[in-house]
Amino acid sequence: LKAMDSPAKKSGKKIKRIQEIWNEGFGIISLHCFQNVIPVEAYTREAAMIDAIGMSNLTNERKGDYYGVAKTWPHMKRRKLGTYLLYRAMKILLNEGERPLYQADFNKSNKNVNT
């Protein structure tokens, strides 16, 4: 959230969207899945999910990067991987439930760090 305090980052689409969600009284959902993987695998998975969802449906400013053998795959195979990973993420969400994060949650943690 330090990015939200930075004047250079305040105009980012992602930050604006988070602020809109908070202003409407809702929380943002942060789902942690596919943990304990090496960074290049995480980046590849993220890129595949971005391709499956489509940039027009996201606030991301750029597509993700593919590494390893997935870098040579055709676009449809990458999207297929992304669709499968999104399905697995949905199953995790349904199993664990959502835990919305509100702006006040971050204000509390900042106060705890500073005291």
N, C-alpha and C. Protein backbone atom coordinates (compact mmCIF):
# COMPACT_ATOMS: atom_id res chain seq x y z
N LEU A 1 0.80 -1.20 0.00
CA LEU A 1 0.00 0.00 0.00
C LEU A 1 0.84 1.26 0.00
N LYS A 2 2.13 1.11 0.15
CA LYS A 2 3.00 2.28 0.06
C LYS A 2 2.86 2.91 -1.31
N ALA A 3 2.57 2.09 -2.31
CA ALA A 3 2.38 2.61 -3.67
C ALA A 3 1.23 3.60 -3.73
N MET A 4 0.23 3.41 -2.88
CA MET A 4 -0.92 4.31 -2.89
C MET A 4 -0.54 5.69 -2.36
N ASP A 5 0.50 5.76 -1.54
CA ASP A 5 0.96 7.03 -1.00
C ASP A 5 1.85 7.77 -1.98
N SER A 6 2.41 7.06 -2.93
CA SER A 6 3.34 7.66 -3.89
C SER A 6 2.56 8.43 -4.95
N PRO A 7 2.89 9.72 -5.16
CA PRO A 7 2.18 10.50 -6.18
C PRO A 7 2.30 9.89 -7.57
N ALA A 8 3.44 9.26 -7.87
CA ALA A 8 3.63 8.67 -9.20
C ALA A 8 2.72 7.47 -9.42
N LYS A 9 2.40 6.76 -8.37
CA LYS A 9 1.60 5.54 -8.51
C LYS A 9 0.11 5.78 -8.32
N LYS A 10 -0.30 6.93 -7.81
CA LYS A 10 -1.71 7.17 -7.53
C LYS A 10 -2.57 7.10 -8.78
N SER A 11 -1.99 7.34 -9.93
CA SER A 11 -2.78 7.36 -11.15
C SER A 11 -2.89 5.98 -11.80
N GLY A 12 -2.23 4.96 -11.26
CA GLY A 12 -2.30 3.63 -11.83
C GLY A 12 -3.71 3.08 -11.84
N LYS A 13 -4.07 2.39 -12.92
CA LYS A 13 -5.42 1.84 -13.05
C LYS A 13 -5.75 0.88 -11.91
N LYS A 14 -4.78 0.08 -11.50
CA LYS A 14 -5.03 -0.91 -10.45
C LYS A 14 -5.34 -0.22 -9.13
N ILE A 15 -4.56 0.80 -8.78
CA ILE A 15 -4.77 1.53 -7.53
C ILE A 15 -6.12 2.25 -7.57
N LYS A 16 -6.44 2.85 -8.71
CA LYS A 16 -7.74 3.53 -8.83
C LYS A 16 -8.88 2.55 -8.64
N ARG A 17 -8.74 1.36 -9.22
CA ARG A 17 -9.81 0.36 -9.11
C ARG A 17 -9.97 -0.11 -7.67
N ILE A 18 -8.86 -0.31 -6.97
CA ILE A 18 -8.92 -0.70 -5.55
C ILE A 18 -9.62 0.39 -4.75
N GLN A 19 -9.27 1.64 -5.00
CA GLN A 19 -9.90 2.74 -4.28
C GLN A 19 -11.40 2.82 -4.59
N GLU A 20 -11.78 2.56 -5.83
CA GLU A 20 -13.21 2.55 -6.20
C GLU A 20 -13.95 1.47 -5.41
N ILE A 21 -13.35 0.30 -5.34
CA ILE A 21 -13.98 -0.81 -4.60
C ILE A 21 -14.15 -0.44 -3.14
N TRP A 22 -13.11 0.13 -2.53
CA TRP A 22 -13.20 0.55 -1.13
C TRP A 22 -14.24 1.65 -0.96
N ASN A 23 -14.28 2.61 -1.88
CA ASN A 23 -15.25 3.71 -1.78
C ASN A 23 -16.69 3.21 -1.88
N GLU A 24 -16.90 2.09 -2.55
CA GLU A 24 -18.23 1.51 -2.67
C GLU A 24 -18.59 0.66 -1.45
N GLY A 25 -17.65 0.58 -0.49
CA GLY A 25 -17.92 -0.15 0.75
C GLY A 25 -17.57 -1.62 0.70
N PHE A 26 -16.87 -2.03 -0.33
CA PHE A 26 -16.49 -3.43 -0.46
C PHE A 26 -15.02 -3.62 -0.14
N GLY A 27 -14.62 -4.85 0.07
CA GLY A 27 -13.21 -5.17 0.27
C GLY A 27 -12.64 -5.82 -0.97
N ILE A 28 -11.33 -5.81 -1.08
CA ILE A 28 -10.66 -6.51 -2.18
C ILE A 28 -10.33 -7.92 -1.72
N ILE A 29 -10.32 -8.83 -2.64
CA ILE A 29 -10.04 -10.22 -2.32
C ILE A 29 -8.62 -10.55 -2.76
N SER A 30 -7.84 -11.05 -1.83
CA SER A 30 -6.48 -11.48 -2.14
C SER A 30 -6.43 -12.98 -1.90
N LEU A 31 -6.29 -13.72 -2.96
CA LEU A 31 -6.28 -15.17 -2.88
C LEU A 31 -4.86 -15.66 -3.12
N HIS A 32 -4.32 -16.34 -2.14
CA HIS A 32 -2.97 -16.87 -2.25
C HIS A 32 -3.06 -18.35 -2.60
N CYS A 33 -2.63 -18.68 -3.79
CA CYS A 33 -2.65 -20.08 -4.22
C CYS A 33 -1.38 -20.37 -5.00
N PHE A 34 -1.13 -21.63 -5.20
CA PHE A 34 0.06 -22.07 -5.93
C PHE A 34 1.33 -21.59 -5.24
N GLN A 35 1.38 -21.75 -3.94
CA GLN A 35 2.55 -21.31 -3.18
C GLN A 35 3.66 -22.35 -3.26
N ASN A 36 4.84 -21.94 -2.84
CA ASN A 36 6.02 -22.80 -2.82
C ASN A 36 6.47 -23.24 -4.22
N VAL A 37 6.40 -22.31 -5.16
CA VAL A 37 6.92 -22.57 -6.50
C VAL A 37 8.05 -21.56 -6.75
N ILE A 38 8.96 -21.92 -7.62
CA ILE A 38 10.07 -21.02 -7.92
C ILE A 38 9.54 -19.81 -8.71
N PRO A 39 10.24 -18.68 -8.63
CA PRO A 39 9.73 -17.46 -9.28
C PRO A 39 9.38 -17.61 -10.75
N VAL A 40 10.23 -18.27 -11.56
CA VAL A 40 9.91 -18.36 -12.99
C VAL A 40 8.64 -19.16 -13.24
N GLU A 41 8.37 -20.14 -12.39
CA GLU A 41 7.11 -20.89 -12.53
C GLU A 41 5.93 -20.01 -12.13
N ALA A 42 6.09 -19.22 -11.07
CA ALA A 42 5.03 -18.31 -10.64
C ALA A 42 4.74 -17.28 -11.73
N TYR A 43 5.78 -16.71 -12.34
CA TYR A 43 5.59 -15.73 -13.40
C TYR A 43 4.88 -16.34 -14.61
N THR A 44 5.26 -17.58 -14.95
CA THR A 44 4.63 -18.27 -16.07
C THR A 44 3.16 -18.53 -15.78
N ARG A 45 2.86 -18.96 -14.57
CA ARG A 45 1.46 -19.21 -14.20
C ARG A 45 0.65 -17.92 -14.25
N GLU A 46 1.24 -16.85 -13.73
CA GLU A 46 0.55 -15.56 -13.75
C GLU A 46 0.29 -15.12 -15.19
N ALA A 47 1.29 -15.26 -16.05
CA ALA A 47 1.14 -14.88 -17.46
C ALA A 47 0.03 -15.68 -18.13
N ALA A 48 -0.03 -16.97 -17.84
CA ALA A 48 -1.06 -17.82 -18.44
C ALA A 48 -2.45 -17.41 -17.97
N MET A 49 -2.59 -17.07 -16.69
CA MET A 49 -3.90 -16.65 -16.19
C MET A 49 -4.29 -15.29 -16.77
N ILE A 50 -3.32 -14.40 -16.94
CA ILE A 50 -3.60 -13.10 -17.57
C ILE A 50 -4.08 -13.33 -19.00
N ASP A 51 -3.41 -14.22 -19.74
CA ASP A 51 -3.84 -14.52 -21.12
C ASP A 51 -5.23 -15.12 -21.15
N ALA A 52 -5.55 -15.98 -20.19
CA ALA A 52 -6.87 -16.62 -20.17
C ALA A 52 -7.97 -15.60 -19.88
N ILE A 53 -7.71 -14.67 -18.99
CA ILE A 53 -8.72 -13.66 -18.64
C ILE A 53 -8.80 -12.59 -19.72
N GLY A 54 -7.67 -12.20 -20.25
CA GLY A 54 -7.63 -11.16 -21.28
C GLY A 54 -7.30 -9.81 -20.66
N MET A 55 -6.38 -9.11 -21.28
CA MET A 55 -5.94 -7.81 -20.77
C MET A 55 -7.09 -6.80 -20.67
N SER A 56 -8.06 -6.91 -21.54
CA SER A 56 -9.17 -5.95 -21.52
C SER A 56 -10.04 -6.11 -20.27
N ASN A 57 -9.92 -7.23 -19.59
CA ASN A 57 -10.72 -7.48 -18.38
C ASN A 57 -9.92 -7.25 -17.10
N LEU A 58 -8.71 -6.75 -17.23
CA LEU A 58 -7.83 -6.57 -16.08
C LEU A 58 -7.30 -5.14 -16.03
N THR A 59 -6.72 -4.78 -14.90
CA THR A 59 -6.08 -3.47 -14.77
C THR A 59 -4.57 -3.57 -14.98
N ASN A 60 -4.08 -4.75 -15.30
CA ASN A 60 -2.64 -4.91 -15.54
C ASN A 60 -2.21 -4.01 -16.69
N GLU A 61 -1.02 -3.48 -16.56
CA GLU A 61 -0.51 -2.60 -17.60
C GLU A 61 0.26 -3.34 -18.67
N ARG A 62 0.66 -4.58 -18.37
CA ARG A 62 1.37 -5.38 -19.37
C ARG A 62 1.08 -6.85 -19.13
N LYS A 63 1.31 -7.63 -20.18
CA LYS A 63 1.14 -9.08 -20.06
C LYS A 63 2.27 -9.66 -19.22
N GLY A 64 2.08 -10.87 -18.77
CA GLY A 64 3.12 -11.54 -18.01
C GLY A 64 4.18 -12.14 -18.91
N ASP A 65 5.21 -12.68 -18.29
CA ASP A 65 6.32 -13.29 -19.01
C ASP A 65 6.29 -14.80 -18.83
N TYR A 66 6.57 -15.51 -19.90
CA TYR A 66 6.66 -16.96 -19.88
C TYR A 66 8.12 -17.39 -19.81
N TYR A 67 8.36 -18.49 -19.13
CA TYR A 67 9.71 -19.03 -19.00
C TYR A 67 9.68 -20.52 -19.29
N GLY A 68 10.84 -21.07 -19.56
CA GLY A 68 10.96 -22.50 -19.79
C GLY A 68 10.24 -22.93 -21.05
N VAL A 69 9.76 -24.17 -21.02
CA VAL A 69 9.12 -24.75 -22.20
C VAL A 69 7.85 -24.00 -22.59
N ALA A 70 7.15 -23.41 -21.60
CA ALA A 70 5.90 -22.69 -21.89
C ALA A 70 6.14 -21.49 -22.80
N LYS A 71 7.37 -20.99 -22.82
CA LYS A 71 7.71 -19.85 -23.67
C LYS A 71 7.57 -20.21 -25.15
N THR A 72 7.72 -21.48 -25.47
CA THR A 72 7.64 -21.93 -26.87
C THR A 72 6.24 -22.38 -27.28
N TRP A 73 5.33 -22.48 -26.33
CA TRP A 73 3.99 -22.95 -26.62
C TRP A 73 3.20 -21.95 -27.46
N PRO A 74 2.27 -22.46 -28.28
CA PRO A 74 1.37 -21.56 -29.01
C PRO A 74 0.41 -20.87 -28.03
N HIS A 75 -0.14 -19.77 -28.46
CA HIS A 75 -1.02 -18.96 -27.61
C HIS A 75 -2.18 -19.77 -27.02
N MET A 76 -2.80 -20.62 -27.83
CA MET A 76 -3.96 -21.39 -27.35
C MET A 76 -3.57 -22.34 -26.22
N LYS A 77 -2.40 -22.93 -26.30
CA LYS A 77 -1.96 -23.84 -25.23
C LYS A 77 -1.69 -23.05 -23.95
N ARG A 78 -1.15 -21.86 -24.08
CA ARG A 78 -0.92 -21.01 -22.91
C ARG A 78 -2.24 -20.61 -22.26
N ARG A 79 -3.22 -20.25 -23.09
CA ARG A 79 -4.54 -19.89 -22.56
C ARG A 79 -5.21 -21.08 -21.90
N LYS A 80 -4.99 -22.25 -22.44
CA LYS A 80 -5.55 -23.47 -21.85
C LYS A 80 -4.97 -23.70 -20.46
N LEU A 81 -3.65 -23.51 -20.32
CA LEU A 81 -3.01 -23.62 -19.01
C LEU A 81 -3.59 -22.58 -18.06
N GLY A 82 -3.75 -21.35 -18.53
CA GLY A 82 -4.32 -20.30 -17.69
C GLY A 82 -5.73 -20.62 -17.24
N THR A 83 -6.52 -21.17 -18.13
CA THR A 83 -7.90 -21.56 -17.77
C THR A 83 -7.89 -22.64 -16.71
N TYR A 84 -7.02 -23.61 -16.85
CA TYR A 84 -6.91 -24.68 -15.85
C TYR A 84 -6.47 -24.11 -14.50
N LEU A 85 -5.49 -23.20 -14.50
CA LEU A 85 -5.02 -22.61 -13.25
C LEU A 85 -6.11 -21.77 -12.60
N LEU A 86 -6.89 -21.05 -13.39
CA LEU A 86 -8.01 -20.27 -12.84
C LEU A 86 -9.06 -21.19 -12.24
N TYR A 87 -9.29 -22.33 -12.87
CA TYR A 87 -10.24 -23.31 -12.32
C TYR A 87 -9.75 -23.81 -10.96
N ARG A 88 -8.46 -24.11 -10.87
CA ARG A 88 -7.89 -24.55 -9.59
C ARG A 88 -7.99 -23.45 -8.54
N ALA A 89 -7.74 -22.21 -8.94
CA ALA A 89 -7.86 -21.08 -8.01
C ALA A 89 -9.30 -20.93 -7.53
N MET A 90 -10.26 -21.14 -8.44
CA MET A 90 -11.67 -21.07 -8.04
C MET A 90 -12.00 -22.13 -7.01
N LYS A 91 -11.46 -23.32 -7.19
CA LYS A 91 -11.71 -24.39 -6.22
C LYS A 91 -11.13 -24.04 -4.85
N ILE A 92 -9.96 -23.41 -4.84
CA ILE A 92 -9.36 -22.96 -3.58
C ILE A 92 -10.24 -21.90 -2.93
N LEU A 93 -10.72 -20.95 -3.73
CA LEU A 93 -11.60 -19.90 -3.21
C LEU A 93 -12.88 -20.49 -2.63
N LEU A 94 -13.48 -21.43 -3.33
CA LEU A 94 -14.71 -22.04 -2.84
C LEU A 94 -14.47 -22.83 -1.55
N ASN A 95 -13.31 -23.45 -1.45
CA ASN A 95 -12.99 -24.24 -0.26
C ASN A 95 -12.65 -23.35 0.94
N GLU A 96 -11.84 -22.32 0.72
CA GLU A 96 -11.37 -21.47 1.81
C GLU A 96 -12.29 -20.29 2.10
N GLY A 97 -13.09 -19.89 1.13
CA GLY A 97 -13.93 -18.71 1.30
C GLY A 97 -13.13 -17.45 1.04
N GLU A 98 -13.85 -16.36 0.93
CA GLU A 98 -13.16 -15.10 0.67
C GLU A 98 -12.93 -14.34 1.97
N ARG A 99 -11.82 -13.65 2.00
CA ARG A 99 -11.47 -12.80 3.14
C ARG A 99 -11.21 -11.40 2.59
N PRO A 100 -12.25 -10.56 2.57
CA PRO A 100 -12.06 -9.23 2.00
C PRO A 100 -11.11 -8.38 2.83
N LEU A 101 -10.32 -7.58 2.15
CA LEU A 101 -9.40 -6.65 2.79
C LEU A 101 -9.92 -5.23 2.56
N TYR A 102 -10.11 -4.53 3.65
CA TYR A 102 -10.62 -3.16 3.60
C TYR A 102 -9.48 -2.19 3.87
N GLN A 103 -9.65 -0.95 3.48
CA GLN A 103 -8.61 0.05 3.68
C GLN A 103 -8.27 0.17 5.16
N ALA A 104 -9.25 0.07 6.03
CA ALA A 104 -9.01 0.16 7.48
C ALA A 104 -8.08 -0.95 7.96
N ASP A 105 -8.11 -2.11 7.31
CA ASP A 105 -7.21 -3.21 7.69
C ASP A 105 -5.76 -2.80 7.51
N PHE A 106 -5.48 -2.05 6.47
CA PHE A 106 -4.11 -1.62 6.22
C PHE A 106 -3.72 -0.47 7.14
N ASN A 107 -4.67 0.38 7.47
CA ASN A 107 -4.40 1.47 8.40
C ASN A 107 -4.04 0.92 9.77
N LYS A 108 -4.72 -0.16 10.21
CA LYS A 108 -4.42 -0.80 11.49
C LYS A 108 -3.02 -1.37 11.49
N SER A 109 -2.63 -2.06 10.40
CA SER A 109 -1.30 -2.67 10.38
C SER A 109 -0.21 -1.62 10.32
N ASN A 110 -0.47 -0.48 9.68
CA ASN A 110 0.52 0.60 9.67
C ASN A 110 0.71 1.18 11.05
N LYS A 111 -0.38 1.28 11.81
CA LYS A 111 -0.29 1.81 13.17
C LYS A 111 0.49 0.85 14.07
N ASN A 112 0.28 -0.46 13.87
CA ASN A 112 0.99 -1.45 14.68
C ASN A 112 2.48 -1.44 14.39
N VAL A 113 2.86 -1.18 13.16
CA VAL A 113 4.27 -1.15 12.77
C VAL A 113 4.95 0.08 13.37
N ASN A 114 4.22 1.19 13.40
CA ASN A 114 4.80 2.44 13.88
C ASN A 114 4.83 2.58 15.40
N THR A 115 4.17 1.69 16.11
CA THR A 115 4.17 1.80 17.58
C THR A 115 5.15 0.86 18.21
